[in-house]
């Protein structure tokens, strides 16, 4: 039994068979529309976090797509949707034991991923005495499902206990970010 290859039409400028198929598709109105739809679908997937933030109902479609593709959908990382409300840092159990209370508010209509927190302790001259990065597992209350993110339109007060060692702090600064 012998196998013979079927001749394929030669497309001028097509370096590979895939390029020939694309050129053939693009040359017909239906093919061009199909390629445009495929391009839009690829763009929507690539920008899925931004799409979910601006169209929260689209999260259901992305969840269904992930179920089919075997991927995991995580809450968007959109720092603009989070707001650090006025925070408090106080001494507990001596001068080097501190407690940070930081309300974190989600302003969007969709759950957002918990950010990392940079806590900077400053001395009397506003020089950096201690700088620490706190990850969600460091500040989220026990039992909170971190993977689910900060629920939509909620405020959670994060409480963190710190030991500054020998450093003495008189002021502090809190910033949030996504690594």
Foldseek 3Di string as FASTA:
>chain_A
DDDDDDDDDDDPPQPDVVSVVLVVLCVDPNSVVVVVVVVVVVVCVVCVQVCCQVPVVCVVVVVVVCVVVVHDDFHHADCVQKDWDDKDWDDDPDQQKIKIKIKIWGATQAFHQFWKKWKFFAAPVRDTQDIDIHDCVQWPPPPDPRRRHHGHGDIDITMHIGGSDPTGGDDMDMDTDHD
